C-alpha atoms as a PDB file:
ATOM      1  CA  MET A   1      20.886 -28.276 -19.426  1.00  0.00           C
ATOM      2  CA  SER A   2      20.627 -27.052 -23.215  1.00  0.00           C
ATOM      3  CA  GLU A   3      17.725 -25.516 -24.811  1.00  0.00           C
ATOM      4  CA  ASN A   4      16.221 -28.503 -26.300  1.00  0.00           C
ATOM      5  CA  ARG A   5      16.073 -30.344 -23.091  1.00  0.00           C
ATOM      6  CA  ARG A   6      14.328 -27.942 -21.573  1.00  0.00           C
ATOM      7  CA  HIS A   7      11.254 -29.814 -19.076  1.00  0.00           C
ATOM      8  CA  PRO A   8       7.846 -28.720 -21.031  1.00  0.00           C
ATOM      9  CA  ASP A   9       6.955 -27.101 -18.264  1.00  0.00           C
ATOM     10  CA  TYR A  10      10.006 -24.618 -17.428  1.00  0.00           C
ATOM     11  CA  GLU A  11       8.502 -21.674 -18.517  1.00  0.00           C
ATOM     12  CA  SER A  12       5.407 -22.143 -15.631  1.00  0.00           C
ATOM     13  CA  LEU A  13       8.032 -23.447 -13.048  1.00  0.00           C
ATOM     14  CA  GLN A  14       9.960 -20.675 -13.829  1.00  0.00           C
ATOM     15  CA  SER A  15       7.012 -18.603 -12.883  1.00  0.00           C
ATOM     16  CA  VAL A  16       6.063 -20.238  -9.629  1.00  0.00           C
ATOM     17  CA  PHE A  17       9.814 -20.054  -8.572  1.00  0.00           C
ATOM     18  CA  THR A  18       9.791 -16.067  -9.622  1.00  0.00           C
ATOM     19  CA  SER A  19       6.499 -16.082  -7.513  1.00  0.00           C
ATOM     20  CA  LEU A  20       7.714 -17.473  -4.450  1.00  0.00           C
ATOM     21  CA  ALA A  21      11.114 -15.330  -4.596  1.00  0.00           C
ATOM     22  CA  GLN A  22       8.742 -12.250  -4.734  1.00  0.00           C
ATOM     23  CA  TRP A  23       6.902 -13.801  -1.766  1.00  0.00           C
ATOM     24  CA  ALA A  24       9.742 -14.220   0.447  1.00  0.00           C
ATOM     25  CA  LYS A  25      11.470 -10.654  -0.144  1.00  0.00           C
ATOM     26  CA  ARG A  26       8.026  -9.130   0.811  1.00  0.00           C
ATOM     27  CA  CYS A  27       7.501 -11.337   4.198  1.00  0.00           C
ATOM     28  CA  ARG A  28      11.368 -10.602   4.820  1.00  0.00           C
ATOM     29  CA  ASP A  29      10.921  -7.013   4.440  1.00  0.00           C
ATOM     30  CA  ASN A  30       7.832  -6.844   6.753  1.00  0.00           C
ATOM     31  CA  LEU A  31       9.500  -8.997   9.391  1.00  0.00           C
ATOM     32  CA  GLU A  32      12.552  -6.149   9.088  1.00  0.00           C
ATOM     33  CA  SER A  33      10.005  -3.408   9.197  1.00  0.00           C
ATOM     34  CA  SER A  34       8.232  -5.048  12.162  1.00  0.00           C
ATOM     35  CA  ASN A  35      11.139  -6.008  14.156  1.00  0.00           C
ATOM     36  CA  SER A  36      12.586  -2.659  13.710  1.00  0.00           C
ATOM     37  CA  PHE A  37       9.524  -1.029  15.308  1.00  0.00           C
ATOM     38  CA  MET A  38       9.718  -3.315  18.152  1.00  0.00           C
ATOM     39  CA  ASP A  39      13.107  -2.317  18.845  1.00  0.00           C
ATOM     40  CA  CYS A  40      11.484   0.748  19.994  1.00  0.00           C
ATOM     41  CA  GLY A  41      10.689   1.302  23.581  1.00  0.00           C
ATOM     42  CA  PRO A  42       7.272   2.012  24.873  1.00  0.00           C
ATOM     43  CA  ASP A  43       8.599   5.856  25.091  1.00  0.00           C
ATOM     44  CA  GLU A  44      10.085   6.171  21.678  1.00  0.00           C
ATOM     45  CA  ALA A  45       6.865   4.331  20.008  1.00  0.00           C
ATOM     46  CA  ALA A  46       4.629   6.842  22.060  1.00  0.00           C
ATOM     47  CA  ARG A  47       6.701   9.792  20.757  1.00  0.00           C
ATOM     48  CA  ILE A  48       6.547   8.661  17.097  1.00  0.00           C
ATOM     49  CA  ALA A  49       2.865   7.738  17.098  1.00  0.00           C
ATOM     50  CA  ARG A  50       2.396  11.575  18.711  1.00  0.00           C
ATOM     51  CA  ASP A  51       4.757  12.776  15.822  1.00  0.00           C
ATOM     52  CA  LEU A  52       2.250  10.900  13.527  1.00  0.00           C
ATOM     53  CA  LYS A  53      -0.668  12.253  14.666  1.00  0.00           C
ATOM     54  CA  LEU A  54      -1.772   8.126  15.590  1.00  0.00           C
ATOM     55  CA  GLN A  55      -2.509   6.400  18.500  1.00  0.00           C
ATOM     56  CA  PRO A  56       0.542   3.644  19.809  1.00  0.00           C
ATOM     57  CA  LYS A  57      -1.800   0.699  18.741  1.00  0.00           C
ATOM     58  CA  GLU A  58      -2.550   2.021  15.276  1.00  0.00           C
ATOM     59  CA  LEU A  59       0.899   3.066  14.735  1.00  0.00           C
ATOM     60  CA  ALA A  60       1.625  -0.571  15.896  1.00  0.00           C
ATOM     61  CA  MET A  61      -0.949  -2.096  13.433  1.00  0.00           C
ATOM     62  CA  LEU A  62       0.623   0.102  10.781  1.00  0.00           C
ATOM     63  CA  ALA A  63       4.070  -1.642  11.310  1.00  0.00           C
ATOM     64  CA  LYS A  64       3.146  -4.993  11.029  1.00  0.00           C
ATOM     65  CA  LYS A  65       1.400  -4.321   7.591  1.00  0.00           C
ATOM     66  CA  GLY A  66       5.053  -3.169   6.519  1.00  0.00           C
ATOM     67  CA  PRO A  67       6.345  -0.346   4.468  1.00  0.00           C
ATOM     68  CA  HIS A  68       4.159  -1.107   1.646  1.00  0.00           C
ATOM     69  CA  ALA A  69       0.996  -1.080   3.123  1.00  0.00           C
ATOM     70  CA  ALA A  70      -0.161   1.974   1.003  1.00  0.00           C
ATOM     71  CA  ASP A  71       1.467   1.740  -2.220  1.00  0.00           C
ATOM     72  CA  LEU A  72      -1.640   1.377  -4.076  1.00  0.00           C
ATOM     73  CA  LEU A  73      -2.634   5.010  -2.890  1.00  0.00           C
ATOM     74  CA  ARG A  74      -0.496   6.757  -5.447  1.00  0.00           C
ATOM     75  CA  LYS A  75      -1.927   4.496  -8.358  1.00  0.00           C
ATOM     76  CA  MET A  76      -5.228   5.374  -7.158  1.00  0.00           C
ATOM     77  CA  LEU A  77      -4.134   8.950  -7.306  1.00  0.00           C
ATOM     78  CA  ALA A  78      -3.110   8.526 -10.657  1.00  0.00           C
ATOM     79  CA  ALA A  79      -6.250   6.699 -11.892  1.00  0.00           C
ATOM     80  CA  LEU A  80      -8.291   9.566 -10.530  1.00  0.00           C
ATOM     81  CA  GLU A  81      -5.883  12.071 -11.985  1.00  0.00           C
ATOM     82  CA  ILE A  82      -5.186  13.791  -8.858  1.00  0.00           C
ATOM     83  CA  ASP A  83      -1.625  14.464  -8.613  1.00  0.00           C
ATOM     84  CA  ALA A  84      -0.064  13.023  -5.730  1.00  0.00           C
ATOM     85  CA  SER A  85       2.998  14.992  -5.137  1.00  0.00           C
ATOM     86  CA  GLU A  86       1.003  18.314  -5.574  1.00  0.00           C
ATOM     87  CA  LEU A  87      -1.139  16.878  -2.935  1.00  0.00           C
ATOM     88  CA  GLU A  88       1.950  15.605  -0.657  1.00  0.00           C
ATOM     89  CA  ARG A  89       3.800  19.351  -0.813  1.00  0.00           C
ATOM     90  CA  ASP A  90      -0.054  21.590  -0.714  1.00  0.00           C
ATOM     91  CA  ASP A  91      -1.768  19.223   1.887  1.00  0.00           C
ATOM     92  CA  PRO A  92       0.211  16.609   3.848  1.00  0.00           C
ATOM     93  CA  ALA A  93      -2.067  15.736   6.435  1.00  0.00           C
ATOM     94  CA  THR A  94      -4.940  14.442   4.158  1.00  0.00           C
ATOM     95  CA  MET A  95      -2.160  12.608   2.164  1.00  0.00           C
ATOM     96  CA  ARG A  96      -0.780  11.074   5.674  1.00  0.00           C
ATOM     97  CA  ASP A  97      -4.426  10.511   6.304  1.00  0.00           C
ATOM     98  CA  LEU A  98      -4.988   8.489   3.186  1.00  0.00           C
ATOM     99  CA  GLN A  99      -2.248   6.677   3.022  1.00  0.00           C
ATOM    100  CA  ARG A 100      -3.014   5.535   6.925  1.00  0.00           C
ATOM    101  CA  LEU A 101      -6.372   4.377   5.684  1.00  0.00           C
ATOM    102  CA  CYS A 102      -5.024   2.776   2.538  1.00  0.00           C
ATOM    103  CA  ALA A 103      -2.581   0.829   4.398  1.00  0.00           C
ATOM    104  CA  MET A 104      -5.095  -0.519   7.012  1.00  0.00           C
ATOM    105  CA  CYS A 105      -7.696  -1.294   4.075  1.00  0.00           C
ATOM    106  CA  ALA A 106      -8.540  -4.572   3.506  1.00  0.00           C
ATOM    107  CA  ASP A 107     -10.000  -4.667   0.383  1.00  0.00           C
ATOM    108  CA  LYS A 108      -6.757  -4.591  -1.373  1.00  0.00           C
ATOM    109  CA  ARG A 109      -7.419  -7.243  -4.187  1.00  0.00           C
ATOM    110  CA  GLN A 110     -10.780  -5.535  -5.057  1.00  0.00           C
ATOM    111  CA  CYS A 111      -8.449  -2.074  -5.534  1.00  0.00           C
ATOM    112  CA  GLN A 112      -5.391  -3.908  -7.548  1.00  0.00           C
ATOM    113  CA  TYR A 113      -8.345  -5.585  -9.556  1.00  0.00           C
ATOM    114  CA  ASP A 114      -9.933  -2.367 -10.541  1.00  0.00           C
ATOM    115  CA  LEU A 115      -6.467  -0.541 -11.356  1.00  0.00           C
ATOM    116  CA  ALA A 116      -5.639  -3.345 -13.542  1.00  0.00           C
ATOM    117  CA  ASN A 117      -8.654  -3.036 -15.417  1.00  0.00           C
ATOM    118  CA  GLY A 118      -9.034   0.513 -15.789  1.00  0.00           C
ATOM    119  CA  ILE A 119     -12.260   0.816 -14.024  1.00  0.00           C
ATOM    120  CA  THR A 120     -11.012   2.376 -10.616  1.00  0.00           C
ATOM    121  CA  ALA A 121     -12.902   5.864 -10.976  1.00  0.00           C
ATOM    122  CA  THR A 122     -16.315   4.132 -11.373  1.00  0.00           C
ATOM    123  CA  ASN A 123     -15.793   1.597  -8.688  1.00  0.00           C
ATOM    124  CA  PHE A 124     -13.765   3.001  -5.695  1.00  0.00           C
ATOM    125  CA  ARG A 125     -16.686   4.611  -3.643  1.00  0.00           C
ATOM    126  CA  ASP A 126     -17.908   0.877  -3.059  1.00  0.00           C
ATOM    127  CA  TYR A 127     -15.158  -0.458  -1.227  1.00  0.00           C
ATOM    128  CA  CYS A 128     -12.308   2.402  -0.950  1.00  0.00           C
ATOM    129  CA  PRO A 129     -12.218   3.861   3.205  1.00  0.00           C
ATOM    130  CA  ASN A 130     -10.681   6.794   1.409  1.00  0.00           C
ATOM    131  CA  ALA A 131     -13.759   7.742  -0.932  1.00  0.00           C
ATOM    132  CA  TYR A 132     -15.161  10.475   0.608  1.00  0.00           C
ATOM    133  CA  THR A 133     -11.851  12.397   1.001  1.00  0.00           C
ATOM    134  CA  LEU A 134     -11.110  11.350  -2.608  1.00  0.00           C
ATOM    135  CA  ASP A 135     -14.593  12.812  -3.817  1.00  0.00           C
ATOM    136  CA  ALA A 136     -13.836  16.045  -2.120  1.00  0.00           C
ATOM    137  CA  LEU A 137     -10.097  16.172  -3.602  1.00  0.00           C
ATOM    138  CA  LEU A 138     -11.867  15.682  -7.101  1.00  0.00           C
ATOM    139  CA  GLU A 139     -14.610  17.995  -6.781  1.00  0.00           C
ATOM    140  CA  ALA A 140     -11.982  20.564  -5.518  1.00  0.00           C
ATOM    141  CA  LYS A 141     -10.356  19.942  -8.875  1.00  0.00           C
ATOM    142  CA  ASN A 142     -13.252  21.052 -11.105  1.00  0.00           C
END
């Protein structure tokens, strides 16, 4: 179809199709992650949970959330000017705990909104389950 004959809503339709494709990919990725965890027997799942210092139920819940459940944490740390790589290297237990709480957080939309609008540093204490730890890390920086 030539450029002249495109449907007037072509751009918005393309945006919708792109969004649908991204959603389908996220669903597929989450399902694959969840299924691979479900392939583990109870003993293997318990060993993995123990290695991660989690309860087996907690590990199952995290697996259901998918591999990208804590992706906002790095953005949060960057917004607060906390070096995620340094934290991971110097205090992996704290980083793991931050990731665990971020993955389980129910306020991801608020977090995304605040990150997108540059207001994270003033608002995160209102909803972030990591607020106490983040405040401690900020205090240690000063």
